[in-house]
């Protein structure tokens, strides 16, 4: 089967890493797989390309932002020339397939909605267009959690297929030992609890509340360190967050070896106001960490409160701080967390479900 994954860019986000993992797994299953990005290739847009298997092809169409007939023709001509069996789209890229979607030679088109449907489109015009494609069965939508599926049903009036995200198996990076030593340097004592937050600085990630909760924990005299991994903390919002953080909180920037940091930590913090199904959350559980999450999006589909992690009662600092204390009182067993991941969120399981969907649509 010839499969092309189509998305804007391969930036360092979780959805982009998911695309890479899925493409790699499909290629390992003897499918002909290519990842195609719409935008020009540069260090930022191609960040996750470094994780693509040599078996997976890569293409950049070099299309700048904005929609025009000429840009739509570039997309249409590329796919008609490649003649894939399946185009698997990600994020709100469907408007660029407008010309192709109504061509009688179009292949099967699948679209994974990586967030709540209310947030999946930039404006009402895009929402109407994508809704038309869904309802006329031009495009097959897929959601990634029960909450995302409920959101999709609210917006479009019917349910989509739901395939929960998976994550590829972690393998230690070449710098794993130096990361272990780096984290040891952040521990004040042998009993210091190491918390990790992974995410680009953005209002939806609610990182102001995260910092305020750990500042309050510091005032209580708790022995901890919080490591924040992610880009854009040099922005105005990021600098404000950095300035208000206590000395036990460390901003380490964007990392290509996030799993090495997770493997040497104790708990994972996710404070988002909205979330699809976080790849970093799955990665943390795979590494044995206890997740402490706000109860949004796909988080409750993954975190069974008090059994596979801790969910705050709400989005406030007080609610999240209480969830941290629940973890400190009852940390979860790392081996059990790893087994929970293996049984429920492996990429092999996720890949098999997508391939079965492709085959069903083709035949």
Protein backbone atom coordinates (compact mmCIF):
# COMPACT_ATOMS: atom_id res chain seq x y z
CA UNK A 1 0.00 0.00 0.00
CA UNK A 2 1.31 3.45 -0.89
CA UNK A 3 0.66 5.96 1.90
CA UNK A 4 1.47 9.67 2.03
CA UNK A 5 1.17 11.54 5.31
CA UNK A 6 0.39 15.20 4.63
CA UNK A 7 0.82 18.02 7.16
CA UNK A 8 2.06 21.59 7.37
CA UNK A 9 5.45 20.99 8.97
CA UNK A 10 7.48 18.55 11.05
CA UNK A 11 8.05 20.96 13.92
CA UNK A 12 8.81 19.67 17.42
CA UNK A 13 5.18 19.17 18.46
CA UNK A 14 3.65 15.94 19.72
CA UNK A 15 1.33 15.47 16.75
CA UNK A 16 4.27 15.80 14.37
CA UNK A 17 6.24 13.20 16.34
CA UNK A 18 3.20 10.93 16.21
CA UNK A 19 3.18 11.22 12.39
CA UNK A 20 6.84 10.20 12.31
CA UNK A 21 6.24 7.19 14.58
CA UNK A 22 3.22 6.06 12.58
CA UNK A 23 5.05 6.45 9.25
CA UNK A 24 8.01 4.48 10.59
CA UNK A 25 5.76 1.67 11.83
CA UNK A 26 3.90 1.50 8.52
CA UNK A 27 7.17 1.38 6.57
CA UNK A 28 8.38 -1.42 8.83
CA UNK A 29 5.20 -3.26 7.83
CA UNK A 30 6.36 -3.19 4.17
CA UNK A 31 4.17 -0.30 3.06
CA UNK A 32 5.47 2.42 0.73
CA UNK A 33 5.35 5.49 2.99
CA UNK A 34 6.22 9.15 2.46
CA UNK A 35 5.85 12.15 4.76
CA UNK A 36 5.02 15.30 2.79
CA UNK A 37 5.07 18.75 4.38
CA UNK A 38 3.41 21.72 2.75
CA UNK A 39 5.80 24.44 3.92
CA UNK A 40 9.40 25.10 2.83
CA UNK A 41 11.96 22.97 4.64
CA UNK A 42 14.14 24.62 7.30
CA UNK A 43 15.53 23.75 10.74
CA UNK A 44 12.22 24.49 12.45
CA UNK A 45 9.82 22.99 9.91
CA UNK A 46 11.94 19.85 9.61
CA UNK A 47 12.80 19.33 13.29
CA UNK A 48 11.20 15.88 13.59
CA UNK A 49 12.58 14.71 10.26
CA UNK A 50 15.65 13.48 12.14
CA UNK A 51 13.51 10.68 13.61
CA UNK A 52 12.20 9.37 10.27
CA UNK A 53 13.29 5.87 9.30
CA UNK A 54 15.48 5.61 6.16
CA UNK A 55 12.61 3.50 4.78
CA UNK A 56 10.27 6.53 4.83
CA UNK A 57 10.38 9.03 1.99
CA UNK A 58 10.22 12.76 2.59
CA UNK A 59 9.00 15.67 0.45
CA UNK A 60 8.53 19.40 1.00
CA UNK A 61 6.18 21.17 -1.43
CA UNK A 62 7.68 24.55 -0.48
CA UNK A 63 4.30 26.31 -0.29
CA UNK A 64 4.27 29.48 1.82
CA UNK A 65 1.31 30.44 4.02
CA UNK A 66 -1.93 31.60 2.45
CA UNK A 67 -4.28 29.88 0.02
CA UNK A 68 -4.50 30.63 -3.71
CA UNK A 69 -5.53 28.67 -6.83
CA UNK A 70 -1.85 28.26 -7.78
CA UNK A 71 -1.02 26.73 -4.39
CA UNK A 72 -3.99 24.38 -4.58
CA UNK A 73 -2.79 23.24 -7.99
CA UNK A 74 0.68 22.47 -6.61
CA UNK A 75 -0.91 20.17 -4.03
CA UNK A 76 -3.30 18.55 -6.52
CA UNK A 77 -0.60 17.95 -9.13
CA UNK A 78 1.77 16.40 -6.58
CA UNK A 79 -0.73 13.83 -5.35
CA UNK A 80 -2.06 12.99 -8.81
CA UNK A 81 1.49 12.40 -10.02
CA UNK A 82 2.38 10.23 -6.99
CA UNK A 83 -0.87 8.23 -7.16
CA UNK A 84 -0.91 7.01 -3.53
CA UNK A 85 -3.55 4.60 -2.26
CA UNK A 86 -4.06 6.75 0.83
CA UNK A 87 -3.46 10.37 1.77
CA UNK A 88 -3.41 10.65 5.56
CA UNK A 89 -3.86 14.29 6.58
CA UNK A 90 -3.06 15.92 9.92
CA UNK A 91 -4.09 19.23 11.51
CA UNK A 92 -6.28 21.67 9.55
CA UNK A 93 -4.64 21.10 6.17
CA UNK A 94 -7.77 19.90 4.34
CA UNK A 95 -8.47 23.27 2.62
CA UNK A 96 -5.31 22.73 0.56
CA UNK A 97 -6.86 19.54 -0.84
CA UNK A 98 -9.91 21.37 -2.21
CA UNK A 99 -9.04 20.90 -5.89
CA UNK A 100 -7.91 17.31 -5.38
CA UNK A 101 -10.92 16.35 -3.27
CA UNK A 102 -13.31 16.83 -6.18
CA UNK A 103 -11.08 15.16 -8.78
CA UNK A 104 -12.40 11.73 -9.88
CA UNK A 105 -8.85 10.32 -9.68
CA UNK A 106 -8.42 11.21 -6.03
CA UNK A 107 -7.19 8.47 -3.65
CA UNK A 108 -8.65 7.57 -0.27
CA UNK A 109 -8.28 10.52 2.13
CA UNK A 110 -8.09 10.09 5.92
CA UNK A 111 -7.90 13.03 8.32
CA UNK A 112 -6.76 12.70 11.93
CA UNK A 113 -8.20 15.49 14.08
CA UNK A 114 -5.54 15.98 16.75
CA UNK A 115 -7.56 18.31 18.99
CA UNK A 116 -11.08 19.20 20.03
CA UNK A 117 -13.15 19.92 16.91
CA UNK A 118 -13.93 23.43 18.13
CA UNK A 119 -10.21 24.23 17.89
CA UNK A 120 -9.37 22.24 14.75
CA UNK A 121 -10.10 25.01 12.21
CA UNK A 122 -8.90 28.60 12.01
CA UNK A 123 -12.28 30.08 11.04
CA UNK A 124 -15.89 29.29 10.14
CA UNK A 125 -15.14 29.03 6.41
CA UNK A 126 -12.60 26.25 7.03
CA UNK A 127 -15.05 24.53 9.36
CA UNK A 128 -17.81 24.58 6.73
CA UNK A 129 -15.46 23.25 4.06
CA UNK A 130 -14.10 20.41 6.18
CA UNK A 131 -17.60 19.60 7.41
CA UNK A 132 -18.78 19.32 3.80
CA UNK A 133 -15.89 16.95 2.99
CA UNK A 134 -16.71 14.78 6.03
CA UNK A 135 -20.45 14.60 5.42
CA UNK A 136 -20.09 13.83 1.69
CA UNK A 137 -17.60 11.05 2.58
CA UNK A 138 -14.88 12.71 0.55
CA UNK A 139 -12.66 12.55 3.64
CA UNK A 140 -12.80 10.01 6.49
CA UNK A 141 -12.28 11.78 9.88
CA UNK A 142 -10.53 10.09 12.80
CA UNK A 143 -10.41 11.42 16.36
CA UNK A 144 -7.86 10.46 19.00
CA UNK A 145 -9.86 10.25 22.25
CA UNK A 146 -13.42 9.89 23.50
CA UNK A 147 -13.53 13.57 24.47
CA UNK A 148 -12.29 14.62 21.03
CA UNK A 149 -14.90 12.35 19.46
CA UNK A 150 -17.65 13.92 21.58
CA UNK A 151 -16.40 17.34 20.51
CA UNK A 152 -16.47 16.25 16.86
CA UNK A 153 -20.06 15.05 17.24
CA UNK A 154 -21.09 18.37 18.79
CA UNK A 155 -19.62 20.34 15.89
CA UNK A 156 -20.52 18.12 12.93
CA UNK A 157 -23.53 16.17 14.17
CA UNK A 158 -22.09 12.66 13.87
CA UNK A 159 -19.30 10.58 15.37
CA UNK A 160 -16.00 9.87 13.66
CA UNK A 161 -13.79 6.81 13.90
CA UNK A 162 -11.70 6.95 17.08
CA UNK A 163 -8.15 5.59 17.16
CA UNK A 164 -6.17 6.39 20.29
CA UNK A 165 -2.63 7.64 19.67
CA UNK A 166 0.32 5.32 20.15
CA UNK A 167 3.99 5.91 20.80
CA UNK A 168 7.06 4.10 19.48
CA UNK A 169 9.22 2.18 21.92
CA UNK A 170 11.83 4.27 23.72
CA UNK A 171 15.49 3.57 23.04
CA UNK A 172 18.19 5.41 25.04
CA UNK A 173 19.93 8.18 23.12
CA UNK A 174 23.67 8.59 22.82
CA UNK A 175 23.53 11.32 25.49
CA UNK A 176 21.42 9.36 27.99
CA UNK A 177 24.25 8.99 30.50
CA UNK A 178 25.12 12.70 30.40
CA UNK A 179 21.41 13.53 30.86
CA UNK A 180 21.36 11.29 33.93
CA UNK A 181 24.32 13.21 35.35
CA UNK A 182 22.74 16.54 34.42
CA UNK A 183 19.56 15.71 36.32
CA UNK A 184 21.58 14.48 39.30
CA UNK A 185 23.02 17.98 39.45
CA UNK A 186 19.52 19.41 39.93
CA UNK A 187 18.80 17.18 42.94
CA UNK A 188 19.42 18.81 46.33
CA UNK A 189 19.37 15.40 48.07
CA UNK A 190 18.94 11.74 47.16
CA UNK A 191 15.25 12.15 48.01
CA UNK A 192 14.58 15.08 45.68
CA UNK A 193 11.55 14.40 43.50
CA UNK A 194 12.16 15.30 39.86
CA UNK A 195 9.12 16.59 37.95
CA UNK A 196 9.18 17.18 34.18
CA UNK A 197 6.98 19.37 31.99
CA UNK A 198 7.26 19.11 28.20
CA UNK A 199 5.72 21.74 25.97
CA UNK A 200 6.31 24.79 23.86
CA UNK A 201 5.50 28.02 25.71
CA UNK A 202 1.89 28.84 24.82
CA UNK A 203 -1.17 30.14 26.73
CA UNK A 204 -3.11 26.90 26.13
CA UNK A 205 -0.40 24.96 27.97
CA UNK A 206 -1.29 26.95 31.13
CA UNK A 207 2.35 27.16 32.18
CA UNK A 208 1.75 30.22 34.36
CA UNK A 209 -0.40 28.06 36.63
CA UNK A 210 2.19 25.28 36.56
CA UNK A 211 4.88 27.64 37.82
CA UNK A 212 2.62 29.18 40.47
CA UNK A 213 1.72 25.72 41.81
CA UNK A 214 5.36 24.73 42.16
CA UNK A 215 6.25 28.10 43.67
CA UNK A 216 3.64 27.35 46.34
CA UNK A 217 5.16 23.88 46.79
CA UNK A 218 8.56 25.51 47.32
CA UNK A 219 7.13 27.77 50.06
CA UNK A 220 5.94 24.62 51.82
CA UNK A 221 9.54 23.39 51.96
CA UNK A 222 9.03 20.36 49.69
CA UNK A 223 12.22 18.81 48.30
CA UNK A 224 11.70 18.87 44.51
CA UNK A 225 13.01 20.15 41.20
CA UNK A 226 10.93 20.92 38.11
CA UNK A 227 12.50 20.63 34.66
CA UNK A 228 10.72 22.48 31.85
CA UNK A 229 11.53 21.25 28.33
CA UNK A 230 10.29 23.23 25.37
CA UNK A 231 10.86 26.13 23.01
CA UNK A 232 9.67 29.76 22.97
CA UNK A 233 10.47 30.64 26.56
CA UNK A 234 12.43 33.56 25.12
CA UNK A 235 9.12 35.14 24.07
CA UNK A 236 7.45 37.89 26.13
CA UNK A 237 5.15 35.36 27.79
CA UNK A 238 8.02 32.94 28.30
CA UNK A 239 10.25 35.54 29.93
CA UNK A 240 7.45 36.51 32.28
CA UNK A 241 7.05 32.86 33.29
CA UNK A 242 10.81 32.40 33.76
CA UNK A 243 11.06 35.49 35.97
CA UNK A 244 8.33 34.37 38.35
CA UNK A 245 9.78 30.84 38.78
CA UNK A 246 11.49 29.84 42.03
CA UNK A 247 15.14 28.59 41.95
CA UNK A 248 14.01 24.95 41.99
CA UNK A 249 12.48 25.35 38.51
CA UNK A 250 14.84 25.01 35.54
CA UNK A 251 14.09 25.89 31.90
CA UNK A 252 16.19 23.65 29.66
CA UNK A 253 14.89 24.63 26.22
CA UNK A 254 13.85 22.42 23.32
CA UNK A 255 15.27 18.88 23.38
CA UNK A 256 15.41 16.20 20.71
CA UNK A 257 16.01 13.50 23.39
CA UNK A 258 13.05 14.17 25.68
CA UNK A 259 12.74 10.50 26.64
CA UNK A 260 16.24 10.55 28.18
CA UNK A 261 15.02 13.22 30.60
CA UNK A 262 11.82 11.32 31.32
CA UNK A 263 13.71 8.09 32.08
CA UNK A 264 15.66 9.85 34.83
CA UNK A 265 12.71 11.66 36.43
CA UNK A 266 9.84 10.74 38.74
CA UNK A 267 6.65 12.51 37.65
CA UNK A 268 5.25 14.22 34.55
CA UNK A 269 3.24 17.46 34.66
CA UNK A 270 0.60 18.42 32.10
CA UNK A 271 -1.43 21.56 32.89
CA UNK A 272 -3.10 22.29 29.55
CA UNK A 273 -6.40 24.13 29.25
CA UNK A 274 -7.16 22.02 26.17
CA UNK A 275 -5.52 18.87 24.84
CA UNK A 276 -6.11 16.24 22.18
CA UNK A 277 -4.12 13.25 23.35
CA UNK A 278 -0.64 14.27 24.42
CA UNK A 279 2.21 12.25 22.90
CA UNK A 280 4.44 13.47 25.74
CA UNK A 281 1.96 12.00 28.23
CA UNK A 282 2.18 8.60 26.55
CA UNK A 283 5.96 8.88 26.41
CA UNK A 284 6.08 9.67 30.13
CA UNK A 285 4.01 6.62 31.05
CA UNK A 286 6.15 4.48 28.78
CA UNK A 287 9.17 5.66 30.80
CA UNK A 288 7.44 4.73 34.07
CA UNK A 289 6.57 8.22 35.30
CA UNK A 290 3.44 9.14 37.23
CA UNK A 291 1.46 11.75 35.24
CA UNK A 292 -0.20 14.66 37.06
CA UNK A 293 -2.68 16.21 34.64
CA UNK A 294 -5.55 18.62 34.28
CA UNK A 295 -8.81 16.82 33.38
CA UNK A 296 -9.06 18.01 29.76
CA UNK A 297 -9.21 16.45 26.30
CA UNK A 298 -7.77 12.95 26.09
CA UNK A 299 -6.10 13.07 29.51
CA UNK A 300 -8.95 11.21 31.29
CA UNK A 301 -8.81 8.52 28.59
CA UNK A 302 -5.21 7.78 29.58
CA UNK A 303 -5.00 8.71 33.27
CA UNK A 304 -7.17 6.59 35.55
CA UNK A 305 -7.16 8.73 38.67
CA UNK A 306 -5.12 7.26 41.53
CA UNK A 307 -4.37 4.13 39.44
CA UNK A 308 -2.32 5.26 36.44
CA UNK A 309 -1.78 8.87 37.47
CA UNK A 310 -3.48 11.84 39.09
CA UNK A 311 -6.08 14.19 37.62
CA UNK A 312 -6.71 17.58 39.21
CA UNK A 313 -10.32 18.38 40.08
CA UNK A 314 -10.17 21.49 37.90
CA UNK A 315 -7.86 23.98 36.20
CA UNK A 316 -7.02 26.14 39.21
CA UNK A 317 -3.67 26.33 40.98
CA UNK A 318 -5.25 24.99 44.16
CA UNK A 319 -6.69 21.94 42.40
CA UNK A 320 -3.43 21.16 40.66
CA UNK A 321 -1.35 21.64 43.81
CA UNK A 322 -3.62 19.17 45.60
CA UNK A 323 -3.03 16.64 42.81
CA UNK A 324 0.74 17.07 43.26
CA UNK A 325 0.36 16.36 46.98
CA UNK A 326 -1.64 13.23 46.21
CA UNK A 327 1.27 12.04 44.09
CA UNK A 328 3.81 12.86 46.80
CA UNK A 329 1.76 10.83 49.28
CA UNK A 330 1.33 7.87 46.90
CA UNK A 331 3.84 7.63 44.02
CA UNK A 332 2.94 4.91 41.52
CA UNK A 333 5.08 1.92 40.66
CA UNK A 334 7.27 2.54 37.61
CA UNK A 335 7.14 -1.03 36.35
CA UNK A 336 3.34 -1.03 36.49
CA UNK A 337 3.23 2.22 34.51
CA UNK A 338 5.43 0.75 31.79
CA UNK A 339 3.23 -2.34 31.57
CA UNK A 340 0.09 -0.19 31.35
CA UNK A 341 1.61 1.63 28.38
CA UNK A 342 2.67 -1.56 26.64
CA UNK A 343 -0.81 -3.06 26.89
CA UNK A 344 -2.71 0.03 25.73
CA UNK A 345 -0.66 2.60 23.81
CA UNK A 346 1.97 0.87 21.70
CA UNK A 347 2.50 2.20 18.18
CA UNK A 348 2.13 -1.32 16.80
CA UNK A 349 -1.50 -1.42 18.00
CA UNK A 350 -2.22 2.09 16.71
CA UNK A 351 -0.60 1.37 13.34
CA UNK A 352 -2.60 -1.83 12.87
CA UNK A 353 -5.87 0.05 13.44
CA UNK A 354 -5.01 2.71 10.85
CA UNK A 355 -3.94 0.16 8.27
CA UNK A 356 -7.20 -1.76 8.83
CA UNK A 357 -9.13 1.48 8.29
CA UNK A 358 -7.23 2.21 5.06
CA UNK A 359 -7.94 -1.28 3.73
CA UNK A 360 -11.61 -1.01 4.62
CA UNK A 361 -11.91 2.27 2.74
CA UNK A 362 -10.02 1.04 -0.32
CA UNK A 363 -12.01 -2.16 -0.65
